Amino acid sequence: KESIDIIKAKELINIEELSAQLAAIKANFTAVVAAIAALEERLPLCESLGIVEKVRGELKTFASKLYQ
């Protein structure tokens, strides 16, 4: 008999939208990594805030696409 966790995992794998959602996450994750690397530099506060706002906007767009 399969455990509940295995059954749930199989159900998740069979969700049609899952691969598209994971691809979208991967595509947007690289932008977050690049933003973090940029924020680790000694940038003026104005530039750092611009980076944060840009990523925030991109993630809002991404989140709305993810749940369509």
PDB file of N, CA and C in Angstrom:
ATOM      1  N   LYS A   1       0.850  -1.190   0.000  1.00  0.00           N
ATOM      2  CA  LYS A   1       0.000   0.000   0.000  1.00  0.00           C
ATOM      3  C   LYS A   1       0.891   1.248   0.000  1.00  0.00           C
ATOM      4  N   GLU A   2       0.543   2.222  -0.859  1.00  0.00           N
ATOM      5  CA  GLU A   2       1.332   3.448  -0.963  1.00  0.00           C
ATOM      6  C   GLU A   2       0.993   4.402   0.173  1.00  0.00           C
ATOM      7  N   SER A   3       2.025   5.100   0.618  1.00  0.00           N
ATOM      8  CA  SER A   3       1.796   6.083   1.676  1.00  0.00           C
ATOM      9  C   SER A   3       1.078   7.299   1.113  1.00  0.00           C
ATOM     10  N   ILE A   4       0.517   8.073   1.996  1.00  0.00           N
ATOM     11  CA  ILE A   4      -0.206   9.295   1.593  1.00  0.00           C
ATOM     12  C   ILE A   4       0.729  10.253   0.867  1.00  0.00           C
ATOM     13  N   ASP A   5       1.981  10.341   1.292  1.00  0.00           N
ATOM     14  CA  ASP A   5       2.935  11.250   0.647  1.00  0.00           C
ATOM     15  C   ASP A   5       3.205  10.845  -0.800  1.00  0.00           C
ATOM     16  N   ILE A   6       3.316   9.563  -1.058  1.00  0.00           N
ATOM     17  CA  ILE A   6       3.545   9.091  -2.424  1.00  0.00           C
ATOM     18  C   ILE A   6       2.327   9.381  -3.290  1.00  0.00           C
ATOM     19  N   ILE A   7       1.158   9.167  -2.753  1.00  0.00           N
ATOM     20  CA  ILE A   7      -0.080   9.457  -3.492  1.00  0.00           C
ATOM     21  C   ILE A   7      -0.162  10.941  -3.827  1.00  0.00           C
ATOM     22  N   LYS A   8       0.140  11.806  -2.861  1.00  0.00           N
ATOM     23  CA  LYS A   8       0.103  13.252  -3.100  1.00  0.00           C
ATOM     24  C   LYS A   8       1.140  13.662  -4.138  1.00  0.00           C
ATOM     25  N   ALA A   9       2.331  13.071  -4.064  1.00  0.00           N
ATOM     26  CA  ALA A   9       3.383  13.386  -5.034  1.00  0.00           C
ATOM     27  C   ALA A   9       2.952  12.996  -6.445  1.00  0.00           C
ATOM     28  N   LYS A  10       2.342  11.842  -6.586  1.00  0.00           N
ATOM     29  CA  LYS A  10       1.856  11.407  -7.898  1.00  0.00           C
ATOM     30  C   LYS A  10       0.773  12.345  -8.416  1.00  0.00           C
ATOM     31  N   GLU A  11      -0.094  12.797  -7.538  1.00  0.00           N
ATOM     32  CA  GLU A  11      -1.143  13.739  -7.940  1.00  0.00           C
ATOM     33  C   GLU A  11      -0.528  15.050  -8.433  1.00  0.00           C
ATOM     34  N   LEU A  12       0.492  15.539  -7.731  1.00  0.00           N
ATOM     35  CA  LEU A  12       1.157  16.777  -8.144  1.00  0.00           C
ATOM     36  C   LEU A  12       1.841  16.624  -9.496  1.00  0.00           C
ATOM     37  N   ILE A  13       2.487  15.501  -9.698  1.00  0.00           N
ATOM     38  CA  ILE A  13       3.198  15.260 -10.953  1.00  0.00           C
ATOM     39  C   ILE A  13       2.222  15.226 -12.126  1.00  0.00           C
ATOM     40  N   ASN A  14       1.021  14.768 -11.887  1.00  0.00           N
ATOM     41  CA  ASN A  14       0.036  14.649 -12.957  1.00  0.00           C
ATOM     42  C   ASN A  14      -0.723  15.940 -13.249  1.00  0.00           C
ATOM     43  N   ILE A  15      -0.458  17.005 -12.524  1.00  0.00           N
ATOM     44  CA  ILE A  15      -1.104  18.286 -12.796  1.00  0.00           C
ATOM     45  C   ILE A  15      -0.532  18.832 -14.104  1.00  0.00           C
ATOM     46  N   GLU A  16      -1.409  19.075 -15.069  1.00  0.00           N
ATOM     47  CA  GLU A  16      -0.965  19.499 -16.400  1.00  0.00           C
ATOM     48  C   GLU A  16      -0.198  20.817 -16.376  1.00  0.00           C
ATOM     49  N   GLU A  17      -0.621  21.750 -15.563  1.00  0.00           N
ATOM     50  CA  GLU A  17      -0.005  23.070 -15.542  1.00  0.00           C
ATOM     51  C   GLU A  17       1.337  23.094 -14.818  1.00  0.00           C
ATOM     52  N   LEU A  18       1.674  22.034 -14.110  1.00  0.00           N
ATOM     53  CA  LEU A  18       2.863  22.036 -13.260  1.00  0.00           C
ATOM     54  C   LEU A  18       4.142  22.318 -14.043  1.00  0.00           C
ATOM     55  N   SER A  19       4.338  21.658 -15.173  1.00  0.00           N
ATOM     56  CA  SER A  19       5.597  21.875 -15.899  1.00  0.00           C
ATOM     57  C   SER A  19       5.699  23.308 -16.417  1.00  0.00           C
ATOM     58  N   ALA A  20       4.585  23.883 -16.851  1.00  0.00           N
ATOM     59  CA  ALA A  20       4.604  25.278 -17.303  1.00  0.00           C
ATOM     60  C   ALA A  20       4.889  26.218 -16.139  1.00  0.00           C
ATOM     61  N   GLN A  21       4.307  25.927 -14.988  1.00  0.00           N
ATOM     62  CA  GLN A  21       4.545  26.758 -13.811  1.00  0.00           C
ATOM     63  C   GLN A  21       5.999  26.667 -13.367  1.00  0.00           C
ATOM     64  N   LEU A  22       6.568  25.471 -13.394  1.00  0.00           N
ATOM     65  CA  LEU A  22       7.973  25.308 -13.009  1.00  0.00           C
ATOM     66  C   LEU A  22       8.902  26.007 -14.000  1.00  0.00           C
ATOM     67  N   ALA A  23       8.568  25.961 -15.277  1.00  0.00           N
ATOM     68  CA  ALA A  23       9.372  26.667 -16.280  1.00  0.00           C
ATOM     69  C   ALA A  23       9.321  28.173 -16.046  1.00  0.00           C
ATOM     70  N   ALA A  24       8.150  28.684 -15.693  1.00  0.00           N
ATOM     71  CA  ALA A  24       8.011  30.117 -15.414  1.00  0.00           C
ATOM     72  C   ALA A  24       8.816  30.510 -14.182  1.00  0.00           C
ATOM     73  N   ILE A  25       8.795  29.664 -13.171  1.00  0.00           N
ATOM     74  CA  ILE A  25       9.575  29.933 -11.957  1.00  0.00           C
ATOM     75  C   ILE A  25      11.064  29.964 -12.298  1.00  0.00           C
ATOM     76  N   LYS A  26      11.518  28.996 -13.079  1.00  0.00           N
ATOM     77  CA  LYS A  26      12.935  28.946 -13.461  1.00  0.00           C
ATOM     78  C   LYS A  26      13.333  30.191 -14.247  1.00  0.00           C
ATOM     79  N   ALA A  27      12.486  30.598 -15.178  1.00  0.00           N
ATOM     80  CA  ALA A  27      12.786  31.768 -16.005  1.00  0.00           C
ATOM     81  C   ALA A  27      12.894  33.032 -15.162  1.00  0.00           C
ATOM     82  N   ASN A  28      12.055  33.162 -14.159  1.00  0.00           N
ATOM     83  CA  ASN A  28      12.057  34.364 -13.334  1.00  0.00           C
ATOM     84  C   ASN A  28      13.077  34.296 -12.202  1.00  0.00           C
ATOM     85  N   PHE A  29      13.470  33.111 -11.814  1.00  0.00           N
ATOM     86  CA  PHE A  29      14.438  32.958 -10.737  1.00  0.00           C
ATOM     87  C   PHE A  29      15.790  33.535 -11.131  1.00  0.00           C
ATOM     88  N   THR A  30      16.166  33.408 -12.396  1.00  0.00           N
ATOM     89  CA  THR A  30      17.461  33.940 -12.826  1.00  0.00           C
ATOM     90  C   THR A  30      17.513  35.456 -12.668  1.00  0.00           C
ATOM     91  N   ALA A  31      16.385  36.128 -12.882  1.00  0.00           N
ATOM     92  CA  ALA A  31      16.342  37.583 -12.692  1.00  0.00           C
ATOM     93  C   ALA A  31      16.540  37.943 -11.224  1.00  0.00           C
ATOM     94  N   VAL A  32      15.993  37.135 -10.342  1.00  0.00           N
ATOM     95  CA  VAL A  32      16.147  37.385  -8.903  1.00  0.00           C
ATOM     96  C   VAL A  32      17.606  37.192  -8.493  1.00  0.00           C
ATOM     97  N   VAL A  33      18.232  36.149  -9.010  1.00  0.00           N
ATOM     98  CA  VAL A  33      19.647  35.892  -8.702  1.00  0.00           C
ATOM     99  C   VAL A  33      20.513  37.057  -9.177  1.00  0.00           C
ATOM    100  N   ALA A  34      20.247  37.542 -10.387  1.00  0.00           N
ATOM    101  CA  ALA A  34      21.011  38.674 -10.921  1.00  0.00           C
ATOM    102  C   ALA A  34      20.799  39.923 -10.070  1.00  0.00           C
ATOM    103  N   ALA A  35      19.574  40.129  -9.614  1.00  0.00           N
ATOM    104  CA  ALA A  35      19.278  41.294  -8.776  1.00  0.00           C
ATOM    105  C   ALA A  35      20.011  41.198  -7.440  1.00  0.00           C
ATOM    106  N   ILE A  36      20.039  40.025  -6.859  1.00  0.00           N
ATOM    107  CA  ILE A  36      20.741  39.841  -5.583  1.00  0.00           C
ATOM    108  C   ILE A  36      22.228  40.128  -5.762  1.00  0.00           C
ATOM    109  N   ALA A  37      22.804  39.621  -6.851  1.00  0.00           N
ATOM    110  CA  ALA A  37      24.228  39.872  -7.119  1.00  0.00           C
ATOM    111  C   ALA A  37      24.489  41.368  -7.268  1.00  0.00           C
ATOM    112  N   ALA A  38      23.606  42.059  -7.968  1.00  0.00           N
ATOM    113  CA  ALA A  38      23.770  43.505  -8.142  1.00  0.00           C
ATOM    114  C   ALA A  38      23.650  44.231  -6.806  1.00  0.00           C
ATOM    115  N   LEU A  39      22.731  43.789  -5.967  1.00  0.00           N
ATOM    116  CA  LEU A  39      22.535  44.441  -4.668  1.00  0.00           C
ATOM    117  C   LEU A  39      23.709  44.210  -3.718  1.00  0.00           C
ATOM    118  N   GLU A  40      24.485  43.172  -3.971  1.00  0.00           N
ATOM    119  CA  GLU A  40      25.659  42.911  -3.137  1.00  0.00           C
ATOM    120  C   GLU A  40      26.806  43.873  -3.445  1.00  0.00           C
ATOM    121  N   GLU A  41      26.729  44.556  -4.562  1.00  0.00           N
ATOM    122  CA  GLU A  41      27.749  45.542  -4.921  1.00  0.00           C
ATOM    123  C   GLU A  41      27.516  46.820  -4.115  1.00  0.00           C
ATOM    124  N   ARG A  42      28.515  47.644  -4.089  1.00  0.00           N
ATOM    125  CA  ARG A  42      28.401  48.918  -3.359  1.00  0.00           C
ATOM    126  C   ARG A  42      27.799  49.973  -4.278  1.00  0.00           C
ATOM    127  N   LEU A  43      26.497  49.897  -4.443  1.00  0.00           N
ATOM    128  CA  LEU A  43      25.789  50.833  -5.311  1.00  0.00           C
ATOM    129  C   LEU A  43      25.186  51.952  -4.477  1.00  0.00           C
ATOM    130  N   PRO A  44      24.960  53.083  -5.105  1.00  0.00           N
ATOM    131  CA  PRO A  44      24.230  54.140  -4.400  1.00  0.00           C
ATOM    132  C   PRO A  44      22.824  53.642  -4.042  1.00  0.00           C
ATOM    133  N   LEU A  45      22.296  54.183  -2.966  1.00  0.00           N
ATOM    134  CA  LEU A  45      20.983  53.761  -2.484  1.00  0.00           C
ATOM    135  C   LEU A  45      19.919  53.876  -3.571  1.00  0.00           C
ATOM    136  N   CYS A  46      19.971  54.938  -4.335  1.00  0.00           N
ATOM    137  CA  CYS A  46      18.988  55.163  -5.401  1.00  0.00           C
ATOM    138  C   CYS A  46      19.003  54.010  -6.412  1.00  0.00           C
ATOM    139  N   GLU A  47      20.188  53.550  -6.791  1.00  0.00           N
ATOM    140  CA  GLU A  47      20.299  52.435  -7.740  1.00  0.00           C
ATOM    141  C   GLU A  47      19.794  51.137  -7.122  1.00  0.00           C
ATOM    142  N   SER A  48      20.142  50.908  -5.859  1.00  0.00           N
ATOM    143  CA  SER A  48      19.683  49.701  -5.173  1.00  0.00           C
ATOM    144  C   SER A  48      18.167  49.665  -5.092  1.00  0.00           C
ATOM    145  N   LEU A  49      17.569  50.800  -4.762  1.00  0.00           N
ATOM    146  CA  LEU A  49      16.107  50.863  -4.695  1.00  0.00           C
ATOM    147  C   LEU A  49      15.489  50.629  -6.069  1.00  0.00           C
ATOM    148  N   GLY A  50      16.133  51.118  -7.109  1.00  0.00           N
ATOM    149  CA  GLY A  50      15.652  50.884  -8.468  1.00  0.00           C
ATOM    150  C   GLY A  50      15.651  49.406  -8.821  1.00  0.00           C
ATOM    151  N   ILE A  51      16.701  48.705  -8.408  1.00  0.00           N
ATOM    152  CA  ILE A  51      16.793  47.261  -8.651  1.00  0.00           C
ATOM    153  C   ILE A  51      15.670  46.539  -7.916  1.00  0.00           C
ATOM    154  N   VAL A  52      15.458  46.905  -6.666  1.00  0.00           N
ATOM    155  CA  VAL A  52      14.402  46.272  -5.868  1.00  0.00           C
ATOM    156  C   VAL A  52      13.036  46.511  -6.503  1.00  0.00           C
ATOM    157  N   GLU A  53      12.776  47.733  -6.927  1.00  0.00           N
ATOM    158  CA  GLU A  53      11.484  48.048  -7.550  1.00  0.00           C
ATOM    159  C   GLU A  53      11.299  47.285  -8.861  1.00  0.00           C
ATOM    160  N   LYS A  54      12.369  47.159  -9.631  1.00  0.00           N
ATOM    161  CA  LYS A  54      12.289  46.426 -10.898  1.00  0.00           C
ATOM    162  C   LYS A  54      11.936  44.963 -10.648  1.00  0.00           C
ATOM    163  N   VAL A  55      12.630  44.336  -9.713  1.00  0.00           N
ATOM    164  CA  VAL A  55      12.365  42.929  -9.403  1.00  0.00           C
ATOM    165  C   VAL A  55      10.957  42.770  -8.835  1.00  0.00           C
ATOM    166  N   ARG A  56      10.571  43.690  -8.012  1.00  0.00           N
ATOM    167  CA  ARG A  56       9.221  43.637  -7.430  1.00  0.00           C
ATOM    168  C   ARG A  56       8.161  43.667  -8.531  1.00  0.00           C
ATOM    169  N   GLY A  57       8.331  44.545  -9.499  1.00  0.00           N
ATOM    170  CA  GLY A  57       7.398  44.615 -10.624  1.00  0.00           C
ATOM    171  C   GLY A  57       7.392  43.343 -11.451  1.00  0.00           C
ATOM    172  N   GLU A  58       8.589  42.803 -11.694  1.00  0.00           N
ATOM    173  CA  GLU A  58       8.687  41.559 -12.464  1.00  0.00           C
ATOM    174  C   GLU A  58       8.013  40.410 -11.733  1.00  0.00           C
ATOM    175  N   LEU A  59       8.182  40.356 -10.419  1.00  0.00           N
ATOM    176  CA  LEU A  59       7.573  39.273  -9.654  1.00  0.00           C
ATOM    177  C   LEU A  59       6.060  39.406  -9.585  1.00  0.00           C
ATOM    178  N   LYS A  60       5.555  40.636  -9.540  1.00  0.00           N
ATOM    179  CA  LYS A  60       4.097  40.829  -9.561  1.00  0.00           C
ATOM    180  C   LYS A  60       3.527  40.311 -10.877  1.00  0.00           C
ATOM    181  N   THR A  61       4.190  40.654 -11.974  1.00  0.00           N
ATOM    182  CA  THR A  61       3.753  40.179 -13.287  1.00  0.00           C
ATOM    183  C   THR A  61       3.817  38.664 -13.343  1.00  0.00           C
ATOM    184  N   PHE A  62       4.906  38.115 -12.836  1.00  0.00           N
ATOM    185  CA  PHE A  62       5.089  36.667 -12.809  1.00  0.00           C
ATOM    186  C   PHE A  62       4.000  35.996 -11.985  1.00  0.00           C
ATOM    187  N   ALA A  63       3.698  36.535 -10.813  1.00  0.00           N
ATOM    188  CA  ALA A  63       2.684  35.937  -9.941  1.00  0.00           C
ATOM    189  C   ALA A  63       1.314  35.947 -10.610  1.00  0.00           C
ATOM    190  N   SER A  64       0.993  37.024 -11.291  1.00  0.00           N
ATOM    191  CA  SER A  64      -0.313  37.077 -11.949  1.00  0.00           C
ATOM    192  C   SER A  64      -0.394  36.059 -13.089  1.00  0.00           C
ATOM    193  N   LYS A  65       0.707  35.830 -13.798  1.00  0.00           N
ATOM    194  CA  LYS A  65       0.726  34.827 -14.868  1.00  0.00           C
ATOM    195  C   LYS A  65       0.647  33.415 -14.298  1.00  0.00           C
ATOM    196  N   LEU A  66       1.269  33.215 -13.161  1.00  0.00           N
ATOM    197  CA  LEU A  66       1.321  31.888 -12.554  1.00  0.00           C
ATOM    198  C   LEU A  66      -0.060  31.390 -12.175  1.00  0.00           C
ATOM    199  N   TYR A  67      -0.923  32.281 -11.741  1.00  0.00           N
ATOM    200  CA  TYR A  67      -2.241  31.872 -11.262  1.00  0.00           C
ATOM    201  C   TYR A  67      -3.347  32.063 -12.286  1.00  0.00           C
ATOM    202  N   GLN A  68      -2.988  32.250 -13.554  1.00  0.00           N
ATOM    203  CA  GLN A  68      -4.010  32.379 -14.600  1.00  0.00           C
ATOM    204  C   GLN A  68      -4.487  31.026 -15.043  1.00  0.00           C
TER     205      GLN A  68
END
